Amino acid sequence: EPTECTKQACVSGQYYYIDEAYYRCESSATLVPVMSRYCAYNENVIINFPLALTDEFPDKIKQAMEGIEKNNNSTAVVSRRGKNYLEAVSGIFTNCTYNVEETKSTFDLVCVNNYVAVDESTDEVKICSMEQLGYVECMEDEENPEKCNVSAALSRLSLSVMSVVMATLFCILFQYHN
């Protein structure tokens, strides 16, 4: 019986969890095992858990997915532009540790996409954002009061910061040519 395969794209620089191991996307479709050179202890990274392998998800990811569906009326699946991207649940992880003897990497979970939590020090409701690599302010969804969304203020802020950076670079290049 013939089988049909479709090459799936991954997001360059992001990590993927497959068969109890972590891989880094080197180009749009090449996954390489996470070795010590890709392991930075204090760095936050995005790790994707392909939906086709849901049965293999670590318990923490499964529990977070259930909590997101139940408490935020949402999912942890990240929508990517383009149909050939590997559908995945994404999370922010930190403290990569590489065990040379076992040739295996481990990470600490920060949060899973769309997971909502209450900041104990401020009592503010926060939501996990892939773009911001961690928890950010949560805004109530007007169309769905049971759902929390990433605050739009952060998107506008990062856009304005990017505008300042671009304007500065433009000015420097302009001055350099004159």
C-alpha atoms as a PDB file:
ATOM      1  CA  GLU A   1       0.000   0.000   0.000  1.00  0.00           C
ATOM      2  CA  PRO A   2       1.574   3.323  -1.052  1.00  0.00           C
ATOM      3  CA  THR A   3       2.138   5.996   1.551  1.00  0.00           C
ATOM      4  CA  GLU A   4       2.247   9.704   0.970  1.00  0.00           C
ATOM      5  CA  CYS A   5       4.684  12.001   2.753  1.00  0.00           C
ATOM      6  CA  THR A   6       4.587  15.759   2.959  1.00  0.00           C
ATOM      7  CA  LYS A   7       7.724  17.583   4.001  1.00  0.00           C
ATOM      8  CA  GLN A   8       6.902  19.766   7.007  1.00  0.00           C
ATOM      9  CA  ALA A   9       8.725  22.996   7.779  1.00  0.00           C
ATOM     10  CA  CYS A  10      10.095  23.944  11.190  1.00  0.00           C
ATOM     11  CA  VAL A  11      10.851  27.420  12.541  1.00  0.00           C
ATOM     12  CA  SER A  12      14.575  28.233  12.332  1.00  0.00           C
ATOM     13  CA  GLY A  13      16.186  28.666  15.749  1.00  0.00           C
ATOM     14  CA  GLN A  14      13.325  27.016  17.618  1.00  0.00           C
ATOM     15  CA  TYR A  15      13.500  23.614  19.291  1.00  0.00           C
ATOM     16  CA  TYR A  16      11.371  20.480  18.799  1.00  0.00           C
ATOM     17  CA  TYR A  17      10.669  17.544  21.114  1.00  0.00           C
ATOM     18  CA  ILE A  18      10.557  14.231  19.212  1.00  0.00           C
ATOM     19  CA  ASP A  19      11.043  10.695  20.582  1.00  0.00           C
ATOM     20  CA  GLU A  20      12.047  11.964  24.050  1.00  0.00           C
ATOM     21  CA  ALA A  21      14.842  14.102  22.604  1.00  0.00           C
ATOM     22  CA  TYR A  22      15.268  17.786  21.737  1.00  0.00           C
ATOM     23  CA  TYR A  23      16.190  19.027  18.274  1.00  0.00           C
ATOM     24  CA  ARG A  24      17.028  22.504  16.979  1.00  0.00           C
ATOM     25  CA  CYS A  25      15.666  23.706  13.642  1.00  0.00           C
ATOM     26  CA  GLU A  26      18.679  24.779  11.595  1.00  0.00           C
ATOM     27  CA  SER A  27      16.859  25.774   8.443  1.00  0.00           C
ATOM     28  CA  SER A  28      13.223  25.580   7.456  1.00  0.00           C
ATOM     29  CA  ALA A  29      13.264  21.778   7.452  1.00  0.00           C
ATOM     30  CA  THR A  30      16.474  20.479   9.066  1.00  0.00           C
ATOM     31  CA  LEU A  31      16.418  19.297  12.686  1.00  0.00           C
ATOM     32  CA  VAL A  32      19.690  18.628  14.509  1.00  0.00           C
ATOM     33  CA  PRO A  33      20.049  17.107  18.007  1.00  0.00           C
ATOM     34  CA  VAL A  34      20.570  19.679  20.769  1.00  0.00           C
ATOM     35  CA  MET A  35      24.214  19.413  21.792  1.00  0.00           C
ATOM     36  CA  SER A  36      26.137  21.408  24.376  1.00  0.00           C
ATOM     37  CA  ARG A  37      26.824  24.256  21.901  1.00  0.00           C
ATOM     38  CA  TYR A  38      23.072  24.967  21.656  1.00  0.00           C
ATOM     39  CA  CYS A  39      22.572  24.737  25.414  1.00  0.00           C
ATOM     40  CA  ALA A  40      22.538  28.089  27.250  1.00  0.00           C
ATOM     41  CA  TYR A  41      21.510  27.852  30.895  1.00  0.00           C
ATOM     42  CA  ASN A  42      19.886  31.287  31.381  1.00  0.00           C
ATOM     43  CA  GLU A  43      18.360  31.648  27.912  1.00  0.00           C
ATOM     44  CA  ASN A  44      14.619  31.357  27.244  1.00  0.00           C
ATOM     45  CA  VAL A  45      13.813  29.310  24.135  1.00  0.00           C
ATOM     46  CA  ILE A  46      10.687  28.101  22.361  1.00  0.00           C
ATOM     47  CA  ILE A  47      10.206  24.340  22.287  1.00  0.00           C
ATOM     48  CA  ASN A  48       7.550  22.863  20.012  1.00  0.00           C
ATOM     49  CA  PHE A  49       5.761  19.582  20.667  1.00  0.00           C
ATOM     50  CA  PRO A  50       4.364  18.227  17.352  1.00  0.00           C
ATOM     51  CA  LEU A  51       0.639  17.413  17.562  1.00  0.00           C
ATOM     52  CA  ALA A  52       1.194  14.155  15.670  1.00  0.00           C
ATOM     53  CA  LEU A  53       3.131  12.922  18.729  1.00  0.00           C
ATOM     54  CA  THR A  54       0.624  13.956  21.435  1.00  0.00           C
ATOM     55  CA  ASP A  55       0.881  10.559  23.158  1.00  0.00           C
ATOM     56  CA  GLU A  56       4.612  11.199  23.746  1.00  0.00           C
ATOM     57  CA  PHE A  57       4.158  14.629  25.362  1.00  0.00           C
ATOM     58  CA  PRO A  58       5.670  15.007  28.847  1.00  0.00           C
ATOM     59  CA  ASP A  59       3.048  15.060  31.629  1.00  0.00           C
ATOM     60  CA  LYS A  60       3.672  18.763  32.372  1.00  0.00           C
ATOM     61  CA  ILE A  61       2.732  19.669  28.789  1.00  0.00           C
ATOM     62  CA  LYS A  62      -0.398  17.484  28.826  1.00  0.00           C
ATOM     63  CA  GLN A  63      -1.514  19.029  32.133  1.00  0.00           C
ATOM     64  CA  ALA A  64      -0.899  22.565  30.861  1.00  0.00           C
ATOM     65  CA  MET A  65      -2.914  21.830  27.694  1.00  0.00           C
ATOM     66  CA  GLU A  66      -5.857  20.610  29.787  1.00  0.00           C
ATOM     67  CA  GLY A  67      -5.633  23.707  31.999  1.00  0.00           C
ATOM     68  CA  ILE A  68      -5.604  26.038  28.982  1.00  0.00           C
ATOM     69  CA  GLU A  69      -8.679  24.381  27.468  1.00  0.00           C
ATOM     70  CA  LYS A  70     -10.534  24.356  30.784  1.00  0.00           C
ATOM     71  CA  ASN A  71      -9.515  27.709  32.302  1.00  0.00           C
ATOM     72  CA  ASN A  72      -8.895  29.937  29.268  1.00  0.00           C
ATOM     73  CA  ASN A  73     -11.288  28.463  26.701  1.00  0.00           C
ATOM     74  CA  SER A  74      -8.338  28.265  24.289  1.00  0.00           C
ATOM     75  CA  THR A  75      -5.588  25.903  23.111  1.00  0.00           C
ATOM     76  CA  ALA A  76      -1.798  25.778  23.382  1.00  0.00           C
ATOM     77  CA  VAL A  77      -1.413  25.178  19.636  1.00  0.00           C
ATOM     78  CA  VAL A  78       0.517  27.914  17.848  1.00  0.00           C
ATOM     79  CA  SER A  79      -0.872  28.841  14.425  1.00  0.00           C
ATOM     80  CA  ARG A  80       1.820  29.355  11.812  1.00  0.00           C
ATOM     81  CA  ARG A  81       1.460  31.050   8.463  1.00  0.00           C
ATOM     82  CA  GLY A  82       1.681  28.497   5.695  1.00  0.00           C
ATOM     83  CA  LYS A  83       0.185  25.035   5.580  1.00  0.00           C
ATOM     84  CA  ASN A  84       3.444  23.081   5.525  1.00  0.00           C
ATOM     85  CA  TYR A  85       4.534  24.009   9.051  1.00  0.00           C
ATOM     86  CA  LEU A  86       4.559  21.266  11.640  1.00  0.00           C
ATOM     87  CA  GLU A  87       1.493  21.783  13.868  1.00  0.00           C
ATOM     88  CA  ALA A  88       2.674  21.979  17.446  1.00  0.00           C
ATOM     89  CA  VAL A  89       2.006  22.968  21.014  1.00  0.00           C
ATOM     90  CA  SER A  90       4.654  25.518  21.978  1.00  0.00           C
ATOM     91  CA  GLY A  91       6.182  26.483  25.286  1.00  0.00           C
ATOM     92  CA  ILE A  92       8.894  28.669  26.749  1.00  0.00           C
ATOM     93  CA  PHE A  93      11.733  26.794  28.445  1.00  0.00           C
ATOM     94  CA  THR A  94      14.961  27.843  30.144  1.00  0.00           C
ATOM     95  CA  ASN A  95      18.017  26.439  31.945  1.00  0.00           C
ATOM     96  CA  CYS A  96      19.190  24.047  29.246  1.00  0.00           C
ATOM     97  CA  THR A  97      21.493  21.414  30.695  1.00  0.00           C
ATOM     98  CA  TYR A  98      23.443  18.980  28.529  1.00  0.00           C
ATOM     99  CA  ASN A  99      24.487  15.618  29.986  1.00  0.00           C
ATOM    100  CA  VAL A 100      27.634  14.544  28.113  1.00  0.00           C
ATOM    101  CA  GLU A 101      27.520  10.925  29.328  1.00  0.00           C
ATOM    102  CA  GLU A 102      23.906  10.394  28.263  1.00  0.00           C
ATOM    103  CA  THR A 103      24.213  12.833  25.318  1.00  0.00           C
ATOM    104  CA  LYS A 104      20.876  14.253  26.375  1.00  0.00           C
ATOM    105  CA  SER A 105      19.517  17.759  26.986  1.00  0.00           C
ATOM    106  CA  THR A 106      16.985  18.841  29.591  1.00  0.00           C
ATOM    107  CA  PHE A 107      15.106  22.124  30.043  1.00  0.00           C
ATOM    108  CA  ASP A 108      12.994  23.762  32.765  1.00  0.00           C
ATOM    109  CA  LEU A 109       9.460  24.769  31.779  1.00  0.00           C
ATOM    110  CA  VAL A 110       8.624  28.488  32.101  1.00  0.00           C
ATOM    111  CA  CYS A 111       5.148  28.380  30.530  1.00  0.00           C
ATOM    112  CA  VAL A 112       3.045  26.901  27.721  1.00  0.00           C
ATOM    113  CA  ASN A 113       1.452  29.076  25.011  1.00  0.00           C
ATOM    114  CA  ASN A 114      -1.807  30.698  26.233  1.00  0.00           C
ATOM    115  CA  TYR A 115      -1.384  29.375  29.796  1.00  0.00           C
ATOM    116  CA  VAL A 116      -2.910  31.836  32.253  1.00  0.00           C
ATOM    117  CA  ALA A 117      -1.546  32.329  35.783  1.00  0.00           C
ATOM    118  CA  VAL A 118      -1.939  34.814  38.617  1.00  0.00           C
ATOM    119  CA  ASP A 119       1.217  36.689  39.633  1.00  0.00           C
ATOM    120  CA  GLU A 120       1.399  36.022  43.388  1.00  0.00           C
ATOM    121  CA  SER A 121       3.217  39.277  44.169  1.00  0.00           C
ATOM    122  CA  THR A 122       0.827  41.594  42.263  1.00  0.00           C
ATOM    123  CA  ASP A 123      -2.365  39.501  41.893  1.00  0.00           C
ATOM    124  CA  GLU A 124      -2.319  40.383  38.166  1.00  0.00           C
ATOM    125  CA  VAL A 125      -3.547  37.818  35.658  1.00  0.00           C
ATOM    126  CA  LYS A 126      -0.806  36.992  33.147  1.00  0.00           C
ATOM    127  CA  ILE A 127      -0.715  34.884  29.984  1.00  0.00           C
ATOM    128  CA  CYS A 128       2.188  33.022  28.378  1.00  0.00           C
ATOM    129  CA  SER A 129       3.333  34.703  25.158  1.00  0.00           C
ATOM    130  CA  MET A 130       5.637  33.054  22.616  1.00  0.00           C
ATOM    131  CA  GLU A 131       6.560  36.441  21.114  1.00  0.00           C
ATOM    132  CA  GLN A 132       7.605  37.869  24.498  1.00  0.00           C
ATOM    133  CA  LEU A 133       9.244  34.588  25.675  1.00  0.00           C
ATOM    134  CA  GLY A 134       7.301  34.475  28.933  1.00  0.00           C
ATOM    135  CA  TYR A 135       4.337  35.815  30.886  1.00  0.00           C
ATOM    136  CA  VAL A 136       2.778  39.166  29.937  1.00  0.00           C
ATOM    137  CA  GLU A 137      -0.281  41.195  30.959  1.00  0.00           C
ATOM    138  CA  CYS A 138      -3.567  39.537  30.115  1.00  0.00           C
ATOM    139  CA  MET A 139      -6.512  41.350  28.513  1.00  0.00           C
ATOM    140  CA  GLU A 140     -10.072  40.008  28.559  1.00  0.00           C
ATOM    141  CA  ASP A 141     -11.436  38.965  25.155  1.00  0.00           C
ATOM    142  CA  GLU A 142     -14.488  41.164  24.424  1.00  0.00           C
ATOM    143  CA  GLU A 143     -16.119  38.501  22.233  1.00  0.00           C
ATOM    144  CA  ASN A 144     -15.413  35.711  24.712  1.00  0.00           C
ATOM    145  CA  PRO A 145     -15.335  36.837  28.382  1.00  0.00           C
ATOM    146  CA  GLU A 146     -14.050  33.398  29.457  1.00  0.00           C
ATOM    147  CA  LYS A 147     -10.887  33.908  27.405  1.00  0.00           C
ATOM    148  CA  CYS A 148      -7.744  35.911  28.113  1.00  0.00           C
ATOM    149  CA  ASN A 149      -5.521  37.388  25.359  1.00  0.00           C
ATOM    150  CA  VAL A 150      -2.002  38.804  25.229  1.00  0.00           C
ATOM    151  CA  SER A 151      -2.136  42.546  25.849  1.00  0.00           C
ATOM    152  CA  ALA A 152      -2.025  44.542  22.608  1.00  0.00           C
ATOM    153  CA  ALA A 153      -0.025  47.262  24.376  1.00  0.00           C
ATOM    154  CA  LEU A 154       3.073  45.065  24.271  1.00  0.00           C
ATOM    155  CA  SER A 155       2.763  44.609  20.509  1.00  0.00           C
ATOM    156  CA  ARG A 156       2.473  48.365  20.021  1.00  0.00           C
ATOM    157  CA  LEU A 157       5.396  48.937  22.396  1.00  0.00           C
ATOM    158  CA  SER A 158       7.670  46.500  20.577  1.00  0.00           C
ATOM    159  CA  LEU A 159       6.649  48.083  17.265  1.00  0.00           C
ATOM    160  CA  SER A 160       7.529  51.567  18.512  1.00  0.00           C
ATOM    161  CA  VAL A 161      10.865  50.338  19.901  1.00  0.00           C
ATOM    162  CA  MET A 162      11.569  48.713  16.537  1.00  0.00           C
ATOM    163  CA  SER A 163      10.660  51.991  14.794  1.00  0.00           C
ATOM    164  CA  VAL A 164      13.172  53.886  16.951  1.00  0.00           C
ATOM    165  CA  VAL A 165      15.885  51.314  16.206  1.00  0.00           C
ATOM    166  CA  MET A 166      15.192  51.460  12.466  1.00  0.00           C
ATOM    167  CA  ALA A 167      15.135  55.283  12.471  1.00  0.00           C
ATOM    168  CA  THR A 168      18.449  55.352  14.361  1.00  0.00           C
ATOM    169  CA  LEU A 169      20.050  52.941  11.886  1.00  0.00           C
ATOM    170  CA  PHE A 170      18.733  55.000   8.985  1.00  0.00           C
ATOM    171  CA  CYS A 171      20.210  58.179  10.489  1.00  0.00           C
ATOM    172  CA  ILE A 172      23.583  56.515  11.066  1.00  0.00           C
ATOM    173  CA  LEU A 173      23.686  55.184   7.494  1.00  0.00           C
ATOM    174  CA  PHE A 174      22.608  58.581   6.135  1.00  0.00           C
ATOM    175  CA  GLN A 175      25.351  60.352   8.133  1.00  0.00           C
ATOM    176  CA  TYR A 176      27.925  57.769   7.031  1.00  0.00           C
ATOM    177  CA  HIS A 177      27.199  58.336   3.332  1.00  0.00           C
ATOM    178  CA  ASN A 178      27.431  62.153   3.617  1.00  0.00           C
END
